[in-house]
Amino acid sequence: MSRTFDIVIYGATGFTGHLCAEYLDSIDTKINWAIAGRNLEKLDAIAANLDKKLEILVADPSDPDSLDLLTSSTKVVLSTAGPFHRCGSELVASCVKNSTHYVDITGETFWIKELIEKHHEEASRKGVRIIPSCGFDSIPSDLGTYFGIRNIGKPVKKIESFHAWKGEASGGTLETVFSMGETVSKPDLSNPFLLNPEGSFSEEQRTRSADQIAVSRNEALGAWSGPFIMAPVNTRIVRRSEALLSLRQEPYGPNFIYQENGFFKGRLPAYLSLISMALFGLVLMTPLKRIIRPLLRKPGEGPSKTVQKSGWFECKFLAETEDGEKYIFGISGKGDPGYRVTSKLVSEAAICIVESLDQLPGGSAYGGLLTSASGLGDVLIERLSKADINFSKPFKIDP
């Protein structure tokens, strides 16, 4: 693929897009990259604060010709421009049209479902990798599960993940969350196999895969579990990974079950998390959101550098194999997970496609609406391990 650029960051004037530009600027790479967005003046301001002299592309979702010029000029588009259901559909369509690979940081599963329906077949035929959710949504869950199962080396019956983190929400994330209430139907919100190919799950899997909301004590981890706000996104991505890998004859295990929880040191924090999620849901589904939204951060605003550096995430996994053995493994990293970590994750995902296409799962001709596990796999794990994302191998525990 002969293109002017290796990677173009679309949405570079946004909070996370700016962090992606700073990340690529900070690492030792020969990759030729550029930044893009809708506002030339803002893009110039971003470029002026970076060490690398960058080219700037201006493109707008309302102008298909500008998107085609952008996507035909690069091997990979890295998009941080959300809400994605408002800003991303035309960009993805242009990528597929022009055989350009694509990664983003969306958590909008209803939008991913639309992309699958519109573009999976063509992208698969062309060998174009369209990989949404390459940030904190949903790489720790998706790659963590993949990593653990590959290292266990036998069919796995069930995995439960438990997430703890420290971070804050940006205005862009809040705008996406508040806008989703206007567009998402209840069946989409509650369907645990929303992103799976038709016929890729059993009745047993369906009945055992409802989202977790209970608070309980987990003796194996010595802590409490409760609902996790990102579980309705991450679980759908992990289940799609399992289905796509099964189609390549690399299944996780017959009737594989995946569930996700928050991880808390005590009972009280677990119940407070449950209550806060209920109240937040009430705000989103009622006119209260018109009162609350203006009081919160606006798009382009986000956590301070101090908050970004002091943040962290840790995810522990409990796995049970088909023969009854049980294992614990994990993934962790330093930095605000939604932004500092996310910018690292999605940037490294894009670099994988540029530098290691032939080594990626399925080979260079593989494509479609993929996931980090099914589309990037071990190559991304190796890159992230060198970029201070820690993968701890499974160790067996007493049943």
Protein backbone atom coordinates (compact mmCIF):
# COMPACT_ATOMS: atom_id res chain seq x y z
CA MET A 1 0.00 0.00 0.00
CA SER A 2 1.78 3.17 -1.22
CA ARG A 3 0.53 6.18 0.74
CA THR A 4 1.91 9.57 1.75
CA PHE A 5 1.42 8.86 5.46
CA ASP A 6 1.52 5.81 7.68
CA ILE A 7 -0.92 7.17 10.29
CA VAL A 8 -3.23 10.16 10.36
CA ILE A 9 -4.76 11.14 13.71
CA TYR A 10 -8.29 12.37 13.02
CA GLY A 11 -9.73 14.50 15.82
CA ALA A 12 -6.32 15.74 16.94
CA THR A 13 -7.79 18.95 18.39
CA GLY A 14 -9.87 16.98 20.87
CA PHE A 15 -8.58 16.09 24.32
CA THR A 16 -7.61 12.47 23.57
CA GLY A 17 -6.50 13.21 20.01
CA HIS A 18 -4.05 15.78 21.34
CA LEU A 19 -2.68 13.16 23.75
CA CYS A 20 -2.24 10.71 20.87
CA ALA A 21 -0.24 13.32 18.98
CA GLU A 22 1.91 13.92 22.05
CA TYR A 23 2.44 10.18 22.47
CA LEU A 24 3.58 9.62 18.88
CA ASP A 25 5.76 12.71 19.18
CA SER A 26 7.41 11.27 22.31
CA ILE A 27 8.40 7.83 21.06
CA ASP A 28 11.32 6.81 18.85
CA THR A 29 9.68 5.89 15.57
CA LYS A 30 10.29 6.31 11.85
CA ILE A 31 6.55 6.30 11.17
CA ASN A 32 5.38 9.18 9.00
CA TRP A 33 2.29 10.59 10.65
CA ALA A 34 0.06 13.63 10.37
CA ILE A 35 -2.86 15.23 12.19
CA ALA A 36 -6.31 16.02 10.86
CA GLY A 37 -9.60 17.56 11.88
CA ARG A 38 -12.14 20.18 10.93
CA ASN A 39 -10.48 23.37 12.23
CA LEU A 40 -7.17 24.45 10.66
CA GLU A 41 -6.45 27.12 13.28
CA LYS A 42 -6.80 24.62 16.15
CA LEU A 43 -4.71 22.04 14.29
CA ASP A 44 -1.96 24.62 13.76
CA ALA A 45 -1.94 25.28 17.52
CA ILE A 46 -1.55 21.57 18.28
CA ALA A 47 1.27 21.17 15.76
CA ALA A 48 3.12 24.21 17.11
CA ASN A 49 3.55 22.53 20.50
CA LEU A 50 5.07 19.30 19.12
CA ASP A 51 8.71 18.60 18.35
CA LYS A 52 8.03 16.92 15.02
CA LYS A 53 7.17 19.11 12.05
CA LEU A 54 3.81 17.78 10.94
CA GLU A 55 1.62 18.02 7.91
CA ILE A 56 -1.98 19.00 8.60
CA LEU A 57 -5.07 17.76 6.79
CA VAL A 58 -8.49 19.40 7.05
CA ALA A 59 -11.50 17.13 6.59
CA ASP A 60 -15.13 17.29 7.63
CA PRO A 61 -17.70 14.46 7.89
CA SER A 62 -20.12 16.62 5.91
CA ASP A 63 -17.64 16.77 2.99
CA PRO A 64 -17.11 13.27 1.49
CA ASP A 65 -14.44 14.48 -0.92
CA SER A 66 -12.29 15.81 1.95
CA LEU A 67 -12.62 12.49 3.77
CA ASP A 68 -11.62 10.57 0.65
CA LEU A 69 -8.54 12.77 0.24
CA LEU A 70 -7.60 12.03 3.85
CA THR A 71 -8.21 8.29 3.85
CA SER A 72 -6.56 7.69 0.46
CA SER A 73 -3.40 9.46 1.70
CA THR A 74 -2.67 7.17 4.67
CA LYS A 75 -2.30 3.51 5.57
CA VAL A 76 -4.14 3.86 8.91
CA VAL A 77 -6.64 6.36 10.28
CA LEU A 78 -6.54 6.73 14.08
CA SER A 79 -9.78 8.44 15.06
CA THR A 80 -10.56 10.06 18.41
CA ALA A 81 -13.39 12.25 17.07
CA GLY A 82 -16.54 11.51 19.00
CA PRO A 83 -19.35 11.08 19.65
CA PHE A 84 -18.63 8.50 16.99
CA HIS A 85 -22.25 7.92 16.01
CA ARG A 86 -22.33 11.61 15.02
CA CYS A 87 -18.81 12.07 13.63
CA GLY A 88 -17.50 8.67 12.59
CA SER A 89 -19.81 6.88 10.15
CA GLU A 90 -18.73 8.75 7.01
CA LEU A 91 -15.06 8.43 7.98
CA VAL A 92 -15.28 4.65 8.36
CA ALA A 93 -17.18 4.36 5.07
CA SER A 94 -14.41 6.32 3.36
CA CYS A 95 -11.75 4.07 4.91
CA VAL A 96 -13.45 0.94 3.61
CA LYS A 97 -14.00 2.54 0.20
CA ASN A 98 -10.30 3.46 -0.08
CA SER A 99 -8.88 0.29 1.55
CA THR A 100 -7.50 2.18 4.55
CA HIS A 101 -7.16 0.50 7.95
CA TYR A 102 -8.86 2.18 10.91
CA VAL A 103 -8.70 2.19 14.73
CA ASP A 104 -10.61 4.27 17.26
CA ILE A 105 -11.55 4.57 20.95
CA THR A 106 -15.34 4.36 20.82
CA GLY A 107 -17.47 2.69 23.46
CA GLU A 108 -20.67 3.12 21.42
CA THR A 109 -21.64 -0.49 20.82
CA PHE A 110 -24.87 0.37 19.01
CA TRP A 111 -22.75 2.29 16.47
CA ILE A 112 -20.29 -0.59 16.13
CA LYS A 113 -23.27 -2.82 15.35
CA GLU A 114 -24.21 -0.45 12.52
CA LEU A 115 -20.66 -0.60 11.18
CA ILE A 116 -20.71 -4.41 11.22
CA GLU A 117 -23.95 -4.46 9.27
CA LYS A 118 -22.75 -1.91 6.71
CA HIS A 119 -19.08 -2.70 6.26
CA HIS A 120 -17.91 -6.05 7.65
CA GLU A 121 -18.42 -8.00 4.45
CA GLU A 122 -16.69 -5.46 2.19
CA ALA A 123 -13.84 -4.82 4.63
CA SER A 124 -13.31 -8.57 4.96
CA ARG A 125 -13.23 -9.01 1.20
CA LYS A 126 -10.72 -6.16 0.79
CA GLY A 127 -8.52 -7.17 3.74
CA VAL A 128 -9.17 -3.86 5.53
CA ARG A 129 -8.96 -3.93 9.33
CA ILE A 130 -11.61 -1.75 10.96
CA ILE A 131 -10.96 -2.04 14.70
CA PRO A 132 -13.09 0.06 17.07
CA SER A 133 -12.68 0.20 20.86
CA CYS A 134 -8.88 0.29 21.03
CA GLY A 135 -8.71 2.41 24.19
CA PHE A 136 -9.55 1.62 27.80
CA ASP A 137 -12.77 0.59 26.11
CA SER A 138 -11.95 -2.30 25.53
CA ILE A 139 -8.32 -3.42 25.22
CA PRO A 140 -7.70 -4.43 28.88
CA SER A 141 -10.77 -6.68 28.86
CA ASP A 142 -10.32 -8.00 25.34
CA LEU A 143 -6.55 -8.49 25.13
CA GLY A 144 -6.40 -9.53 28.80
CA THR A 145 -8.85 -12.36 28.17
CA TYR A 146 -7.04 -13.40 24.98
CA PHE A 147 -3.65 -13.31 26.74
CA GLY A 148 -4.82 -15.43 29.67
CA ILE A 149 -6.46 -18.10 27.55
CA ARG A 150 -3.45 -18.39 25.24
CA ASN A 151 -1.17 -18.87 28.25
CA ILE A 152 -3.46 -21.35 30.01
CA GLY A 153 -3.28 -23.44 26.86
CA LYS A 154 -6.49 -25.42 27.25
CA PRO A 155 -10.23 -24.83 26.68
CA VAL A 156 -11.68 -22.32 29.12
CA LYS A 157 -15.23 -22.58 30.40
CA LYS A 158 -15.59 -19.18 32.04
CA ILE A 159 -13.70 -15.95 32.76
CA GLU A 160 -14.73 -13.21 35.17
CA SER A 161 -12.81 -9.94 35.15
CA PHE A 162 -12.59 -7.45 38.02
CA HIS A 163 -11.63 -3.83 37.33
CA ALA A 164 -10.22 -1.15 39.61
CA TRP A 165 -9.10 2.27 38.39
CA LYS A 166 -8.40 5.89 39.21
CA GLY A 167 -9.25 8.60 36.70
CA GLU A 168 -11.66 11.30 35.59
CA ALA A 169 -13.97 11.88 32.61
CA SER A 170 -13.28 14.39 29.84
CA GLY A 171 -15.89 16.61 28.25
CA GLY A 172 -15.82 14.51 25.09
CA THR A 173 -16.60 11.33 27.00
CA LEU A 174 -19.42 13.05 28.86
CA GLU A 175 -20.82 14.40 25.60
CA THR A 176 -20.87 10.89 24.15
CA VAL A 177 -22.56 9.41 27.21
CA PHE A 178 -25.22 12.12 27.36
CA SER A 179 -25.91 11.84 23.63
CA MET A 180 -26.30 8.05 23.67
CA GLY A 181 -29.56 8.25 25.60
CA GLU A 182 -31.17 9.84 22.54
CA THR A 183 -30.16 7.11 20.10
CA VAL A 184 -29.87 3.74 21.85
CA SER A 185 -32.85 1.40 22.10
CA LYS A 186 -33.35 -0.76 25.17
CA PRO A 187 -32.89 -4.06 23.26
CA ASP A 188 -29.46 -2.88 22.13
CA LEU A 189 -28.49 -1.92 25.66
CA SER A 190 -29.50 -5.26 27.14
CA ASN A 191 -28.43 -7.69 24.38
CA PRO A 192 -25.23 -9.41 25.64
CA PHE A 193 -24.43 -10.67 22.11
CA LEU A 194 -25.16 -7.42 20.30
CA LEU A 195 -21.93 -7.59 18.26
CA ASN A 196 -21.79 -11.35 17.62
CA PRO A 197 -22.24 -12.89 14.18
CA GLU A 198 -25.57 -14.61 13.76
CA GLY A 199 -25.61 -18.14 15.17
CA SER A 200 -22.31 -17.73 17.04
CA PHE A 201 -23.62 -18.38 20.57
CA SER A 202 -25.62 -21.09 22.29
CA GLU A 203 -28.71 -20.91 24.45
CA GLU A 204 -26.56 -21.72 27.49
CA GLN A 205 -24.27 -18.78 26.71
CA ARG A 206 -27.23 -16.46 26.24
CA THR A 207 -28.86 -17.36 29.55
CA ARG A 208 -25.61 -17.03 31.52
CA SER A 209 -24.38 -13.75 30.04
CA ALA A 210 -26.67 -11.09 31.49
CA ASP A 211 -24.84 -8.00 32.78
CA GLN A 212 -23.71 -8.23 36.41
CA ILE A 213 -25.27 -5.82 38.91
CA ALA A 214 -25.01 -7.69 42.23
CA VAL A 215 -22.57 -6.82 45.02
CA SER A 216 -20.77 -9.82 46.50
CA ARG A 217 -17.63 -10.94 48.30
CA ASN A 218 -15.02 -12.72 46.18
CA GLU A 219 -12.91 -14.96 48.38
CA ALA A 220 -10.38 -15.86 45.68
CA LEU A 221 -9.44 -12.19 45.31
CA GLY A 222 -10.05 -11.20 48.92
CA ALA A 223 -12.19 -8.25 47.84
CA TRP A 224 -15.71 -7.18 46.86
CA SER A 225 -17.19 -7.07 43.39
CA GLY A 226 -19.99 -4.90 42.03
CA PRO A 227 -21.20 -3.41 38.77
CA PHE A 228 -18.63 -1.90 36.40
CA ILE A 229 -19.77 1.03 34.28
CA MET A 230 -17.94 -0.14 31.15
CA ALA A 231 -19.03 -3.79 31.35
CA PRO A 232 -21.91 -3.36 28.84
CA VAL A 233 -19.28 -2.28 26.30
CA ASN A 234 -16.35 -4.53 27.13
CA THR A 235 -18.33 -7.76 27.43
CA ARG A 236 -19.78 -7.33 23.93
CA ILE A 237 -16.31 -6.79 22.48
CA VAL A 238 -14.84 -9.86 24.24
CA ARG A 239 -17.73 -12.03 23.02
CA ARG A 240 -17.24 -10.82 19.45
CA SER A 241 -13.54 -11.66 19.73
CA GLU A 242 -14.36 -15.20 20.83
CA ALA A 243 -16.80 -15.60 17.93
CA LEU A 244 -14.38 -14.26 15.30
CA LEU A 245 -11.52 -16.40 16.63
CA SER A 246 -13.79 -19.44 16.59
CA LEU A 247 -14.44 -18.79 12.90
CA ARG A 248 -10.66 -19.03 12.44
CA GLN A 249 -10.65 -22.32 14.39
CA GLU A 250 -9.12 -20.66 17.47
CA PRO A 251 -11.98 -20.93 20.01
CA TYR A 252 -11.65 -20.00 23.67
CA GLY A 253 -13.70 -23.03 24.74
CA PRO A 254 -17.11 -24.63 24.12
CA ASN A 255 -19.93 -22.46 25.53
CA PHE A 256 -17.35 -19.91 26.76
CA ILE A 257 -18.80 -17.41 29.28
CA TYR A 258 -17.37 -13.95 29.97
CA GLN A 259 -18.55 -11.62 32.74
CA GLU A 260 -17.18 -8.34 34.06
CA ASN A 261 -17.28 -6.57 37.43
CA GLY A 262 -15.91 -3.66 39.40
CA PHE A 263 -13.28 -4.52 42.02
CA PHE A 264 -13.50 -2.91 45.47
CA LYS A 265 -11.57 -3.26 48.73
CA GLY A 266 -14.73 -3.08 50.86
CA ARG A 267 -18.48 -3.59 50.83
CA LEU A 268 -19.31 0.10 51.18
CA PRO A 269 -17.42 1.26 48.04
CA ALA A 270 -19.10 -1.54 46.08
CA TYR A 271 -22.58 -0.42 47.14
CA LEU A 272 -21.73 3.24 46.57
CA SER A 273 -20.70 2.35 43.03
CA LEU A 274 -24.04 0.59 42.49
CA ILE A 275 -25.98 3.59 43.82
CA SER A 276 -23.99 6.12 41.78
CA MET A 277 -24.54 4.13 38.58
CA ALA A 278 -28.28 3.98 39.28
CA LEU A 279 -28.42 7.74 39.86
CA PHE A 280 -26.38 8.43 36.73
CA GLY A 281 -28.75 6.24 34.71
CA LEU A 282 -31.68 8.20 36.12
CA VAL A 283 -30.10 11.46 35.01
CA LEU A 284 -29.46 10.17 31.48
CA MET A 285 -33.00 8.89 30.98
CA THR A 286 -34.89 11.90 32.35
CA PRO A 287 -35.02 15.68 31.73
CA LEU A 288 -32.48 16.03 34.57
CA LYS A 289 -29.74 15.62 31.94
CA ARG A 290 -30.59 19.07 30.53
CA ILE A 291 -29.82 20.56 33.94
CA ILE A 292 -26.74 18.47 34.78
CA ARG A 293 -24.93 18.45 31.41
CA PRO A 294 -24.09 22.20 31.27
CA LEU A 295 -22.46 21.95 34.70
CA LEU A 296 -19.89 19.39 33.55
CA ARG A 297 -16.79 19.55 31.34
CA LYS A 298 -17.22 20.56 27.72
CA PRO A 299 -15.72 18.73 24.69
CA GLY A 300 -12.00 19.46 24.52
CA GLU A 301 -11.69 19.73 28.30
CA GLY A 302 -10.25 16.96 30.45
CA PRO A 303 -8.22 15.95 33.49
CA SER A 304 -5.11 17.95 34.37
CA LYS A 305 -1.62 16.60 33.70
CA THR A 306 -1.30 15.90 37.42
CA VAL A 307 -4.49 13.82 37.44
CA GLN A 308 -3.43 12.03 34.27
CA LYS A 309 -0.09 11.01 35.78
CA SER A 310 -1.55 9.91 39.13
CA GLY A 311 -4.19 7.67 37.56
CA TRP A 312 -3.92 3.91 37.12
CA PHE A 313 -5.88 0.78 36.26
CA GLU A 314 -5.73 -2.85 37.33
CA CYS A 315 -7.76 -5.74 35.98
CA LYS A 316 -7.73 -9.19 37.55
CA PHE A 317 -9.17 -12.23 35.80
CA LEU A 318 -10.48 -15.49 37.26
CA ALA A 319 -10.59 -18.35 34.76
CA GLU A 320 -12.10 -21.81 35.05
CA THR A 321 -11.07 -24.41 32.49
CA GLU A 322 -13.26 -27.17 31.10
CA ASP A 323 -11.47 -29.72 33.31
CA GLY A 324 -12.13 -27.71 36.49
CA GLU A 325 -8.78 -25.97 37.05
CA LYS A 326 -8.85 -22.33 38.18
CA TYR A 327 -6.38 -19.56 37.37
CA ILE A 328 -5.74 -15.90 38.19
CA PHE A 329 -4.01 -13.47 35.82
CA GLY A 330 -4.09 -9.74 35.15
CA ILE A 331 -3.27 -6.57 33.24
CA SER A 332 -2.38 -3.17 34.69
CA GLY A 333 -0.90 0.20 33.83
CA LYS A 334 -0.11 3.65 35.18
CA GLY A 335 -1.79 6.88 34.12
CA ASP A 336 -5.39 8.04 33.83
CA PRO A 337 -6.95 5.05 32.05
CA GLY A 338 -9.45 6.99 29.95
CA TYR A 339 -6.88 9.35 28.44
CA ARG A 340 -3.18 8.85 29.17
CA VAL A 341 -3.49 5.05 28.90
CA THR A 342 -6.07 5.19 26.11
CA SER A 343 -3.86 7.40 23.93
CA LYS A 344 -1.04 4.88 24.36
CA LEU A 345 -3.25 1.88 23.61
CA VAL A 346 -4.82 3.23 20.42
CA SER A 347 -1.53 4.67 19.14
CA GLU A 348 0.24 1.33 19.59
CA ALA A 349 -2.69 -0.41 17.88
CA ALA A 350 -2.21 1.82 14.83
CA ILE A 351 1.55 1.23 14.84
CA CYS A 352 0.96 -2.55 14.85
CA ILE A 353 -0.89 -2.31 11.55
CA VAL A 354 1.78 -0.11 9.97
CA GLU A 355 4.83 -2.06 11.12
CA SER A 356 3.62 -5.65 11.48
CA LEU A 357 0.71 -6.25 9.09
CA ASP A 358 2.07 -9.60 7.89
CA GLN A 359 2.45 -10.85 11.48
CA LEU A 360 -1.04 -9.87 12.63
CA PRO A 361 -3.73 -12.51 13.26
CA GLY A 362 -5.12 -13.91 10.02
CA GLY A 363 -2.25 -12.58 7.90
CA SER A 364 -2.02 -9.44 5.78
CA ALA A 365 -5.17 -10.22 3.76
CA TYR A 366 -7.43 -10.60 6.81
CA GLY A 367 -10.00 -7.87 7.39
CA GLY A 368 -13.46 -6.89 8.55
CA LEU A 369 -15.00 -5.27 11.61
CA LEU A 370 -12.54 -6.76 14.08
CA THR A 371 -11.47 -6.42 17.71
CA SER A 372 -8.09 -5.89 19.32
CA ALA A 373 -7.82 -9.60 20.15
CA SER A 374 -8.96 -10.93 16.77
CA GLY A 375 -7.22 -8.27 14.68
CA LEU A 376 -4.03 -7.41 16.60
CA GLY A 377 -3.50 -10.20 19.14
CA ASP A 378 0.00 -11.17 20.25
CA VAL A 379 1.68 -8.40 18.23
CA LEU A 380 -0.11 -5.71 20.23
CA ILE A 381 0.50 -7.53 23.52
CA GLU A 382 4.23 -7.51 22.77
CA ARG A 383 4.22 -3.80 21.92
CA LEU A 384 2.18 -2.84 24.99
CA SER A 385 4.41 -4.92 27.25
CA LYS A 386 7.33 -2.76 26.12
CA ALA A 387 5.26 0.39 26.74
CA ASP A 388 4.65 -0.19 30.47
CA ILE A 389 1.37 -2.09 30.19
CA ASN A 390 1.88 -5.10 32.43
CA PHE A 391 0.48 -8.55 31.59
CA SER A 392 0.78 -11.06 34.45
CA LYS A 393 0.67 -14.71 33.39
CA PRO A 394 -1.93 -17.11 34.79
CA PHE A 395 -1.15 -19.07 37.95
CA LYS A 396 -3.25 -21.94 39.21
CA ILE A 397 -5.21 -21.64 42.46
CA ASP A 398 -7.07 -24.18 44.55
CA PRO A 399 -10.59 -24.90 43.26
